[in-house]
N, C-alpha and C. Protein backbone atom coordinates (compact mmCIF):
# COMPACT_ATOMS: atom_id res chain seq x y z
N MET A 1 13.17 -9.92 -19.34
CA MET A 1 12.59 -10.51 -18.30
C MET A 1 12.58 -12.21 -18.66
N LYS A 2 12.72 -12.36 -17.48
CA LYS A 2 13.25 -14.03 -17.19
C LYS A 2 11.78 -14.13 -16.88
N ASN A 3 11.87 -15.25 -16.91
CA ASN A 3 10.15 -16.64 -17.63
C ASN A 3 10.41 -17.39 -16.35
N PHE A 4 10.05 -17.52 -15.52
CA PHE A 4 10.21 -17.88 -14.13
C PHE A 4 9.46 -19.12 -13.80
N PRO A 5 8.27 -19.42 -14.28
CA PRO A 5 7.64 -20.86 -14.67
C PRO A 5 8.36 -22.02 -15.46
N ALA A 6 9.28 -21.06 -16.46
CA ALA A 6 9.80 -22.61 -16.78
C ALA A 6 11.02 -22.66 -16.10
N HIS A 7 11.91 -21.45 -15.52
CA HIS A 7 13.21 -21.43 -14.25
C HIS A 7 12.50 -22.32 -13.86
N PHE A 8 11.57 -22.62 -13.27
CA PHE A 8 10.84 -23.75 -12.59
C PHE A 8 10.76 -24.61 -12.86
N GLU A 9 10.41 -25.13 -13.90
CA GLU A 9 10.55 -26.38 -14.18
C GLU A 9 11.58 -27.22 -14.69
N GLU A 10 12.57 -26.03 -15.22
CA GLU A 10 14.02 -26.81 -15.40
C GLU A 10 14.63 -27.18 -14.69
N LEU A 11 14.52 -26.00 -13.14
CA LEU A 11 15.35 -26.68 -11.95
C LEU A 11 14.46 -27.81 -11.30
N ASN A 12 13.05 -27.81 -11.93
CA ASN A 12 12.44 -29.52 -11.16
C ASN A 12 13.65 -30.93 -11.68
N THR A 13 13.99 -30.09 -12.94
CA THR A 13 14.23 -31.69 -13.89
C THR A 13 15.17 -31.94 -13.60
N TRP A 14 16.08 -30.35 -13.51
CA TRP A 14 17.80 -30.61 -13.41
C TRP A 14 18.10 -31.54 -11.47
N MET A 15 16.92 -30.93 -10.66
CA MET A 15 16.90 -31.62 -8.95
C MET A 15 16.59 -33.13 -9.59
N GLY A 16 16.12 -33.23 -10.41
CA GLY A 16 15.24 -34.78 -10.35
C GLY A 16 17.31 -35.36 -10.76
N LYS A 17 17.92 -34.83 -11.42
CA LYS A 17 18.91 -35.72 -12.21
C LYS A 17 19.91 -35.32 -11.13
N LEU A 18 20.28 -34.09 -10.41
CA LEU A 18 21.17 -33.53 -9.69
C LEU A 18 20.49 -35.28 -8.20
N GLY A 19 19.57 -35.76 -8.18
CA GLY A 19 18.61 -36.65 -6.94
C GLY A 19 19.35 -38.25 -7.83
N ALA A 20 19.48 -38.34 -8.59
CA ALA A 20 19.84 -39.77 -9.60
C ALA A 20 21.87 -39.54 -8.82
N ALA A 21 21.68 -38.38 -9.28
CA ALA A 21 23.72 -38.53 -8.97
C ALA A 21 24.28 -38.31 -7.49
N ILE A 22 23.36 -37.98 -6.59
CA ILE A 22 23.75 -37.67 -5.15
C ILE A 22 22.51 -37.78 -4.44
N PRO A 23 21.70 -39.36 -4.62
CA PRO A 23 20.52 -39.52 -3.67
C PRO A 23 20.31 -39.71 -2.36
N ASP A 24 21.50 -39.85 -1.59
CA ASP A 24 21.22 -39.39 -0.08
C ASP A 24 21.36 -37.89 0.26
N VAL A 25 22.05 -37.13 -0.24
CA VAL A 25 22.17 -35.86 -0.47
C VAL A 25 20.35 -34.95 -0.98
N MET A 26 20.29 -35.57 -1.67
CA MET A 26 18.89 -34.62 -1.34
C MET A 26 17.47 -35.43 -1.09
N GLN A 27 17.69 -36.85 -0.80
CA GLN A 27 16.89 -37.30 0.50
C GLN A 27 16.84 -35.82 1.47
N GLY A 28 17.95 -36.09 1.83
CA GLY A 28 18.08 -35.46 3.18
C GLY A 28 17.30 -33.97 3.15
N PHE A 29 17.93 -33.51 2.34
CA PHE A 29 17.40 -32.09 1.62
C PHE A 29 15.98 -32.09 1.70
N GLY A 30 15.40 -32.67 1.03
CA GLY A 30 13.75 -32.91 0.95
C GLY A 30 13.01 -33.03 1.89
N ALA A 31 13.80 -34.23 2.67
CA ALA A 31 13.05 -34.33 4.31
C ALA A 31 13.45 -33.14 5.17
N LEU A 32 14.64 -32.00 4.58
CA LEU A 32 14.63 -31.20 5.90
C LEU A 32 13.78 -30.33 5.31
N HIS A 33 13.49 -30.05 3.89
CA HIS A 33 12.30 -28.89 3.51
C HIS A 33 11.21 -29.30 4.12
N LYS A 34 10.38 -30.33 3.70
CA LYS A 34 9.21 -30.89 4.30
C LYS A 34 9.26 -30.74 5.84
N ALA A 35 10.03 -30.91 6.56
CA ALA A 35 9.77 -31.08 7.74
C ALA A 35 9.83 -28.99 8.25
N SER A 36 10.81 -28.71 7.41
CA SER A 36 11.22 -27.10 7.81
C SER A 36 9.79 -26.22 7.57
N LEU A 37 9.12 -26.97 6.17
CA LEU A 37 8.00 -25.48 5.96
C LEU A 37 6.43 -26.31 5.96
N SER A 38 6.42 -27.17 7.02
CA SER A 38 5.45 -27.91 7.79
C SER A 38 4.45 -27.03 8.89
N ASP A 39 3.78 -26.95 9.08
CA ASP A 39 2.92 -26.25 9.57
C ASP A 39 3.10 -26.69 11.05
N GLY A 40 3.48 -25.87 11.68
CA GLY A 40 3.37 -25.70 13.13
C GLY A 40 3.08 -24.55 14.00
N ALA A 41 4.13 -24.00 14.96
CA ALA A 41 3.38 -22.77 14.94
C ALA A 41 3.08 -21.62 14.57
N LEU A 42 4.03 -21.76 13.34
CA LEU A 42 3.79 -20.87 12.37
C LEU A 42 3.09 -21.72 10.46
N ASP A 43 1.93 -21.09 10.26
CA ASP A 43 1.41 -21.99 9.44
C ASP A 43 2.64 -21.94 8.28
N GLY A 44 2.52 -23.50 6.66
CA GLY A 44 3.33 -22.95 6.02
C GLY A 44 3.28 -22.31 4.56
N LYS A 45 2.59 -21.78 4.87
CA LYS A 45 2.46 -19.77 3.68
C LYS A 45 2.89 -18.99 4.15
N THR A 46 2.98 -18.71 6.02
CA THR A 46 3.70 -18.02 6.54
C THR A 46 5.62 -18.74 5.78
N LYS A 47 5.55 -19.27 6.55
CA LYS A 47 7.22 -20.08 6.18
C LYS A 47 7.62 -19.63 4.64
N GLU A 48 6.84 -20.10 3.82
CA GLU A 48 6.99 -19.87 2.17
C GLU A 48 7.60 -18.84 2.08
N LEU A 49 6.55 -17.93 2.36
CA LEU A 49 7.21 -15.87 3.00
C LEU A 49 8.43 -15.88 3.42
N ILE A 50 8.26 -16.35 4.30
CA ILE A 50 10.09 -15.78 5.01
C ILE A 50 10.61 -16.91 4.18
N ALA A 51 10.69 -17.48 3.27
CA ALA A 51 11.94 -18.59 3.01
C ALA A 51 11.96 -17.29 1.73
N LEU A 52 10.95 -17.14 0.80
CA LEU A 52 11.49 -15.74 -0.63
C LEU A 52 11.89 -14.83 0.17
N GLY A 53 11.59 -14.15 1.13
CA GLY A 53 12.24 -13.02 1.81
C GLY A 53 13.54 -13.23 2.17
N ILE A 54 14.13 -14.45 2.68
CA ILE A 54 15.56 -14.43 1.99
C ILE A 54 15.96 -14.68 1.25
N ALA A 55 15.07 -15.79 -0.16
CA ALA A 55 15.68 -15.71 -1.27
C ALA A 55 15.92 -14.68 -2.03
N ILE A 56 15.08 -13.38 -1.56
CA ILE A 56 15.40 -12.17 -2.40
C ILE A 56 16.26 -11.01 -1.94
N THR A 57 17.06 -11.98 -0.28
CA THR A 57 18.13 -11.11 0.38
C THR A 57 19.61 -11.98 -0.13
N VAL A 58 19.28 -13.33 -0.36
CA VAL A 58 20.71 -13.70 -0.45
C VAL A 58 20.91 -13.60 -2.32
N ARG A 59 20.10 -13.02 -2.66
CA ARG A 59 19.86 -12.59 -4.24
C ARG A 59 19.62 -14.32 -5.21
N CYS A 60 18.99 -14.98 -4.79
CA CYS A 60 18.83 -16.39 -5.44
C CYS A 60 17.71 -16.63 -6.30
N ASP A 61 18.09 -16.64 -7.79
CA ASP A 61 17.15 -16.62 -8.52
C ASP A 61 16.05 -18.13 -8.94
N GLY A 62 16.76 -19.00 -8.33
CA GLY A 62 15.78 -20.39 -8.41
C GLY A 62 15.25 -20.21 -7.21
N CYS A 63 15.99 -19.99 -6.06
CA CYS A 63 15.00 -19.98 -4.88
C CYS A 63 13.47 -18.86 -4.61
N ILE A 64 13.98 -17.85 -5.66
CA ILE A 64 12.48 -16.68 -5.81
C ILE A 64 11.35 -17.74 -6.26
N SER A 65 12.05 -18.34 -7.43
CA SER A 65 10.90 -18.85 -8.45
C SER A 65 10.61 -20.44 -7.59
N PHE A 66 11.41 -20.89 -7.04
CA PHE A 66 10.34 -21.96 -6.09
C PHE A 66 9.52 -21.61 -5.19
N HIS A 67 10.03 -20.10 -4.27
CA HIS A 67 9.34 -20.21 -3.40
C HIS A 67 7.90 -19.46 -3.30
N VAL A 68 7.95 -18.47 -4.52
CA VAL A 68 7.19 -17.95 -5.06
C VAL A 68 5.88 -18.73 -5.58
N HIS A 69 6.66 -19.96 -6.17
CA HIS A 69 5.62 -20.95 -6.79
C HIS A 69 4.91 -21.06 -5.86
N ASP A 70 5.76 -22.08 -4.51
CA ASP A 70 5.47 -22.41 -3.32
C ASP A 70 4.47 -21.74 -2.50
N ALA A 71 4.95 -19.83 -2.46
CA ALA A 71 3.63 -19.42 -1.89
C ALA A 71 2.60 -19.14 -2.01
N LEU A 72 2.42 -19.28 -3.74
CA LEU A 72 0.99 -19.01 -4.12
C LEU A 72 0.43 -20.10 -3.89
N MET A 73 1.14 -21.47 -4.05
CA MET A 73 0.25 -22.66 -3.81
C MET A 73 -0.60 -23.28 -2.66
N ALA A 74 0.32 -22.26 -1.35
CA ALA A 74 -0.14 -22.22 0.36
C ALA A 74 -0.44 -21.26 0.28
N GLY A 75 -1.21 -20.06 -0.63
CA GLY A 75 -2.41 -19.71 -0.55
C GLY A 75 -1.67 -18.18 -0.52
N ALA A 76 -1.10 -17.53 -0.90
CA ALA A 76 -0.30 -16.19 -0.69
C ALA A 76 -0.87 -15.12 -1.50
N SER A 77 -1.16 -14.68 -1.29
CA SER A 77 -1.55 -13.69 -2.15
C SER A 77 -0.66 -12.37 -3.16
N ARG A 78 -1.06 -11.82 -3.86
CA ARG A 78 -0.18 -10.92 -4.33
C ARG A 78 0.45 -9.77 -2.76
N GLU A 79 -0.48 -9.25 -2.53
CA GLU A 79 -0.17 -8.09 -1.46
C GLU A 79 0.69 -8.63 -0.56
N GLU A 80 0.47 -10.41 -0.28
CA GLU A 80 1.34 -10.56 0.66
C GLU A 80 2.52 -11.04 0.13
N ILE A 81 2.70 -11.22 -0.78
CA ILE A 81 4.19 -11.36 -1.58
C ILE A 81 4.88 -9.75 -1.84
N ALA A 82 3.96 -8.74 -2.04
CA ALA A 82 4.38 -7.36 -1.83
C ALA A 82 4.87 -6.85 -0.96
N GLU A 83 4.66 -7.31 0.36
CA GLU A 83 4.69 -6.74 1.36
C GLU A 83 6.04 -7.48 2.16
N THR A 84 6.29 -9.29 1.87
CA THR A 84 7.19 -9.73 1.63
C THR A 84 8.48 -9.11 1.29
N VAL A 85 8.03 -8.77 -0.11
CA VAL A 85 8.95 -8.06 -0.82
C VAL A 85 9.65 -6.92 0.37
N SER A 86 8.63 -6.07 0.33
CA SER A 86 9.38 -4.39 1.39
C SER A 86 10.08 -5.20 2.56
N VAL A 87 9.81 -6.11 3.28
CA VAL A 87 10.64 -6.39 4.51
C VAL A 87 12.06 -7.13 3.64
N ALA A 88 12.22 -7.35 2.88
CA ALA A 88 13.72 -7.86 2.27
C ALA A 88 14.15 -6.46 1.93
N ILE A 89 13.40 -5.85 0.79
CA ILE A 89 14.04 -4.48 0.47
C ILE A 89 14.79 -3.73 1.90
N LEU A 90 13.74 -3.70 2.98
CA LEU A 90 14.65 -3.32 3.96
C LEU A 90 16.24 -3.75 4.82
N MET A 91 15.97 -5.28 4.66
CA MET A 91 16.55 -6.34 5.17
C MET A 91 17.85 -5.80 4.25
N GLY A 92 17.48 -6.11 3.24
CA GLY A 92 18.70 -6.31 1.87
C GLY A 92 19.39 -5.06 1.75
N GLY A 93 18.05 -3.86 0.95
CA GLY A 93 18.35 -2.56 0.04
C GLY A 93 18.31 -2.87 -1.18
N GLY A 94 19.28 -1.91 -1.78
CA GLY A 94 18.75 -1.63 -3.07
C GLY A 94 19.20 -3.15 -3.85
N PRO A 95 20.15 -3.96 -3.67
CA PRO A 95 19.91 -5.46 -4.46
C PRO A 95 18.75 -5.79 -4.20
N SER A 96 18.65 -5.73 -3.19
CA SER A 96 16.62 -6.38 -2.43
C SER A 96 15.95 -6.00 -3.45
N MET A 97 15.62 -4.74 -3.90
CA MET A 97 14.70 -4.47 -4.42
C MET A 97 14.34 -4.52 -6.19
N VAL A 98 16.37 -4.59 -6.51
CA VAL A 98 15.91 -5.52 -7.77
C VAL A 98 15.40 -6.77 -7.90
N TYR A 99 16.14 -7.42 -6.68
CA TYR A 99 15.54 -9.01 -6.66
C TYR A 99 14.26 -9.21 -6.40
N GLY A 100 13.69 -8.38 -5.15
CA GLY A 100 12.36 -7.83 -5.30
C GLY A 100 11.51 -7.94 -6.24
N ILE A 101 12.00 -6.84 -6.89
CA ILE A 101 10.88 -7.04 -8.61
C ILE A 101 11.23 -8.00 -9.35
N GLU A 102 12.02 -8.73 -9.31
CA GLU A 102 12.12 -10.30 -9.82
C GLU A 102 11.08 -11.14 -8.98
N ALA A 103 10.56 -11.39 -7.70
CA ALA A 103 9.06 -12.14 -7.27
C ALA A 103 8.99 -11.41 -7.30
N MET A 104 8.18 -10.07 -7.45
CA MET A 104 7.17 -9.54 -8.45
C MET A 104 6.98 -9.76 -10.02
N GLN A 105 7.59 -9.98 -10.65
CA GLN A 105 7.57 -10.30 -11.94
C GLN A 105 6.90 -12.13 -12.12
N ALA A 106 7.73 -12.83 -11.40
CA ALA A 106 7.56 -14.35 -11.01
C ALA A 106 6.19 -14.38 -10.36
N THR A 107 5.39 -14.03 -9.58
CA THR A 107 4.50 -13.46 -9.07
C THR A 107 3.03 -13.97 -9.86
N GLU A 108 3.08 -12.66 -10.94
CA GLU A 108 2.35 -12.53 -12.18
C GLU A 108 2.09 -13.43 -13.31
N GLN A 109 3.31 -13.94 -13.17
CA GLN A 109 3.69 -14.91 -14.17
C GLN A 109 3.30 -16.34 -13.88
N PHE A 110 3.43 -16.17 -12.68
CA PHE A 110 2.66 -18.23 -11.90
C PHE A 110 1.12 -17.28 -11.91
N MET A 111 0.43 -16.71 -11.87
CA MET A 111 -0.67 -16.41 -11.74
C MET A 111 -1.80 -16.17 -13.37
N GLU A 112 -0.80 -15.64 -13.71
CA GLU A 112 -0.98 -15.63 -15.15
C GLU A 112 -1.71 -17.08 -15.90
N ARG A 113 0.04 -18.16 -15.55
CA ARG A 113 0.25 -19.22 -15.61
C ARG A 113 -1.28 -20.28 -14.87
N SER A 114 -2.05 -19.79 -14.21
CA SER A 114 -2.26 -20.81 -12.82
C SER A 114 -3.77 -20.26 -14.15
N SER A 115 -3.89 -19.12 -14.60
CA SER A 115 -5.21 -19.05 -14.86
C SER A 115 -5.75 -19.33 -15.77
N GLN A 116 -4.27 -20.33 -16.80
CA GLN A 116 -4.87 -20.22 -17.61
C GLN A 116 -4.36 -21.89 -17.95
N GLY A 117 -4.97 -22.00 -16.14
CA GLY A 117 -5.17 -23.92 -15.93
C GLY A 117 -4.13 -24.89 -16.01
N ASP A 118 -2.66 -24.10 -15.83
CA ASP A 118 -1.54 -24.93 -15.91
C ASP A 118 -1.20 -24.29 -14.22
N SER A 119 -0.72 -25.11 -13.72
CA SER A 119 0.10 -24.64 -11.51
C SER A 119 2.11 -24.85 -11.40
């Protein structure tokens, strides 16, 4: 099983390094990320769950790490994440089921870590 919290931290480190190498691109991506996930007609939690569903269907481990983490930080429950996984399976079939399992593993790991006082 992957260690999703460790993966999240490693990706954050490398995104910082990538930001040093290509600052304009990373600043632009950061601005797009912030604008796309800000509350509007849909709240940030809902948008994070949508992003998670897309991450599962496109089979992106790093995206699953980030969007499970951020969905939980936005107040998503285990049940909301599970339902997001179910819609991703509908749209992506068997491969989405496997990556949905990874999203649930990530949820458990981040929740366990949070209960220990880390975020």
